[in-house]
C-alpha atoms as a PDB file:
ATOM      1  CA  MET A   1      21.992 -15.398  31.840  1.00  0.00           C
ATOM      2  CA  ASP A   2      21.052 -18.820  33.219  1.00  0.00           C
ATOM      3  CA  THR A   3      21.623 -21.415  30.495  1.00  0.00           C
ATOM      4  CA  SER A   4      20.950 -24.457  32.698  1.00  0.00           C
ATOM      5  CA  PRO A   5      17.502 -25.330  31.228  1.00  0.00           C
ATOM      6  CA  ALA A   6      18.854 -25.048  27.676  1.00  0.00           C
ATOM      7  CA  TYR A   7      22.003 -26.966  28.605  1.00  0.00           C
ATOM      8  CA  ALA A   8      20.074 -29.721  30.374  1.00  0.00           C
ATOM      9  CA  ASN A   9      17.783 -30.202  27.363  1.00  0.00           C
ATOM     10  CA  ASP A  10      20.378 -29.663  24.636  1.00  0.00           C
ATOM     11  CA  LEU A  11      19.410 -31.426  21.439  1.00  0.00           C
ATOM     12  CA  GLY A  12      21.171 -28.952  19.141  1.00  0.00           C
ATOM     13  CA  ALA A  13      24.501 -30.756  18.859  1.00  0.00           C
ATOM     14  CA  ASP A  14      24.994 -34.410  17.987  1.00  0.00           C
ATOM     15  CA  ARG A  15      27.626 -34.796  20.710  1.00  0.00           C
ATOM     16  CA  SER A  16      25.386 -33.485  23.479  1.00  0.00           C
ATOM     17  CA  LEU A  17      23.324 -36.607  23.959  1.00  0.00           C
ATOM     18  CA  VAL A  18      24.662 -40.103  23.412  1.00  0.00           C
ATOM     19  CA  ALA A  19      22.558 -43.149  24.218  1.00  0.00           C
ATOM     20  CA  VAL A  20      24.136 -45.482  26.748  1.00  0.00           C
ATOM     21  CA  THR A  21      22.979 -48.409  28.807  1.00  0.00           C
ATOM     22  CA  ALA A  22      21.272 -47.707  32.118  1.00  0.00           C
ATOM     23  CA  ARG A  23      24.168 -49.442  33.868  1.00  0.00           C
ATOM     24  CA  ASN A  24      26.746 -47.118  32.279  1.00  0.00           C
ATOM     25  CA  ASN A  25      24.574 -44.088  33.010  1.00  0.00           C
ATOM     26  CA  ARG A  26      24.313 -45.023  36.705  1.00  0.00           C
ATOM     27  CA  SER A  27      28.043 -45.762  36.842  1.00  0.00           C
ATOM     28  CA  LYS A  28      28.942 -42.381  35.382  1.00  0.00           C
ATOM     29  CA  GLY A  29      26.495 -40.217  37.306  1.00  0.00           C
ATOM     30  CA  ASP A  30      27.795 -36.646  37.321  1.00  0.00           C
ATOM     31  CA  LYS A  31      31.477 -37.623  37.218  1.00  0.00           C
ATOM     32  CA  ASP A  32      33.940 -35.919  34.898  1.00  0.00           C
ATOM     33  CA  PRO A  33      36.703 -37.792  33.015  1.00  0.00           C
ATOM     34  CA  THR A  34      38.946 -37.573  36.094  1.00  0.00           C
ATOM     35  CA  ASP A  35      36.632 -40.024  37.858  1.00  0.00           C
ATOM     36  CA  TRP A  36      34.936 -41.907  35.026  1.00  0.00           C
ATOM     37  CA  MET A  37      35.720 -42.987  31.479  1.00  0.00           C
ATOM     38  CA  PRO A  38      33.700 -45.378  29.307  1.00  0.00           C
ATOM     39  CA  PRO A  39      34.513 -49.011  30.070  1.00  0.00           C
ATOM     40  CA  ALA A  40      35.255 -49.687  26.378  1.00  0.00           C
ATOM     41  CA  GLU A  41      38.681 -48.120  25.842  1.00  0.00           C
ATOM     42  CA  TYR A  42      38.212 -47.795  22.070  1.00  0.00           C
ATOM     43  CA  VAL A  43      35.610 -45.039  22.599  1.00  0.00           C
ATOM     44  CA  GLY A  44      37.707 -43.043  25.069  1.00  0.00           C
ATOM     45  CA  CYS A  45      38.982 -40.466  22.570  1.00  0.00           C
ATOM     46  CA  THR A  46      35.511 -39.924  21.114  1.00  0.00           C
ATOM     47  CA  TYR A  47      34.070 -39.549  24.607  1.00  0.00           C
ATOM     48  CA  LEU A  48      36.790 -37.051  25.468  1.00  0.00           C
ATOM     49  CA  ALA A  49      36.146 -35.022  22.299  1.00  0.00           C
ATOM     50  CA  ASP A  50      32.404 -35.018  23.039  1.00  0.00           C
ATOM     51  CA  TRP A  51      33.083 -33.891  26.607  1.00  0.00           C
ATOM     52  CA  VAL A  52      35.354 -31.022  25.551  1.00  0.00           C
ATOM     53  CA  ALA A  53      33.057 -29.951  22.697  1.00  0.00           C
ATOM     54  CA  THR A  54      30.113 -29.745  25.096  1.00  0.00           C
ATOM     55  CA  LYS A  55      32.159 -27.784  27.652  1.00  0.00           C
ATOM     56  CA  LEU A  56      33.209 -25.337  24.932  1.00  0.00           C
ATOM     57  CA  ARG A  57      29.684 -25.163  23.450  1.00  0.00           C
ATOM     58  CA  TRP A  58      28.284 -23.973  26.780  1.00  0.00           C
ATOM     59  CA  ASN A  59      31.368 -22.107  28.006  1.00  0.00           C
ATOM     60  CA  LEU A  60      31.634 -24.379  31.051  1.00  0.00           C
ATOM     61  CA  ALA A  61      34.625 -24.215  33.353  1.00  0.00           C
ATOM     62  CA  GLY A  62      36.875 -27.105  34.280  1.00  0.00           C
ATOM     63  CA  ASP A  63      38.857 -27.577  37.449  1.00  0.00           C
ATOM     64  CA  PRO A  64      42.630 -28.183  37.394  1.00  0.00           C
ATOM     65  CA  ALA A  65      42.316 -31.952  37.929  1.00  0.00           C
ATOM     66  CA  GLU A  66      39.852 -32.232  35.038  1.00  0.00           C
ATOM     67  CA  ARG A  67      42.095 -30.215  32.716  1.00  0.00           C
ATOM     68  CA  GLN A  68      45.109 -32.348  33.675  1.00  0.00           C
ATOM     69  CA  THR A  69      43.173 -35.557  32.984  1.00  0.00           C
ATOM     70  CA  LEU A  70      41.847 -34.252  29.660  1.00  0.00           C
ATOM     71  CA  THR A  71      45.354 -33.258  28.575  1.00  0.00           C
ATOM     72  CA  ARG A  72      46.863 -36.613  29.614  1.00  0.00           C
ATOM     73  CA  ILE A  73      44.233 -38.685  27.814  1.00  0.00           C
ATOM     74  CA  ALA A  74      44.198 -36.435  24.725  1.00  0.00           C
ATOM     75  CA  GLU A  75      47.912 -37.079  24.182  1.00  0.00           C
ATOM     76  CA  GLY A  76      46.938 -40.561  22.977  1.00  0.00           C
ATOM     77  CA  CYS A  77      44.170 -39.348  20.651  1.00  0.00           C
ATOM     78  CA  ASP A  78      45.961 -38.838  17.345  1.00  0.00           C
ATOM     79  CA  ASN A  79      43.084 -38.597  14.870  1.00  0.00           C
ATOM     80  CA  THR A  80      40.197 -37.321  16.956  1.00  0.00           C
ATOM     81  CA  VAL A  81      38.296 -34.378  15.531  1.00  0.00           C
ATOM     82  CA  LEU A  82      36.946 -31.737  17.891  1.00  0.00           C
ATOM     83  CA  GLU A  83      33.966 -29.961  16.362  1.00  0.00           C
ATOM     84  CA  VAL A  84      32.182 -27.341  18.445  1.00  0.00           C
ATOM     85  CA  VAL A  85      28.671 -26.193  17.614  1.00  0.00           C
ATOM     86  CA  PRO A  86      27.994 -22.861  19.377  1.00  0.00           C
ATOM     87  CA  ALA A  87      25.073 -22.857  21.795  1.00  0.00           C
ATOM     88  CA  PRO A  88      21.997 -20.880  20.762  1.00  0.00           C
END
């Protein structure tokens, strides 16, 4: 089953779509946390939780470098809640 249209237009989970400046959006592009993190460090753990929740929501794979980066950054995220809303 191809979920790409539903994934690309996902409005069913609060974490799926976060408003950012055009500059940040261009900077990020299609990079994962291995290559891009928000410039404001204080939102890093929230961004990471949103990233992982979306990957889990849509059963998306991650490559070894991505998983290593997620694990390394998550070690510093003491009180971050990961809430996953299953995809329709």
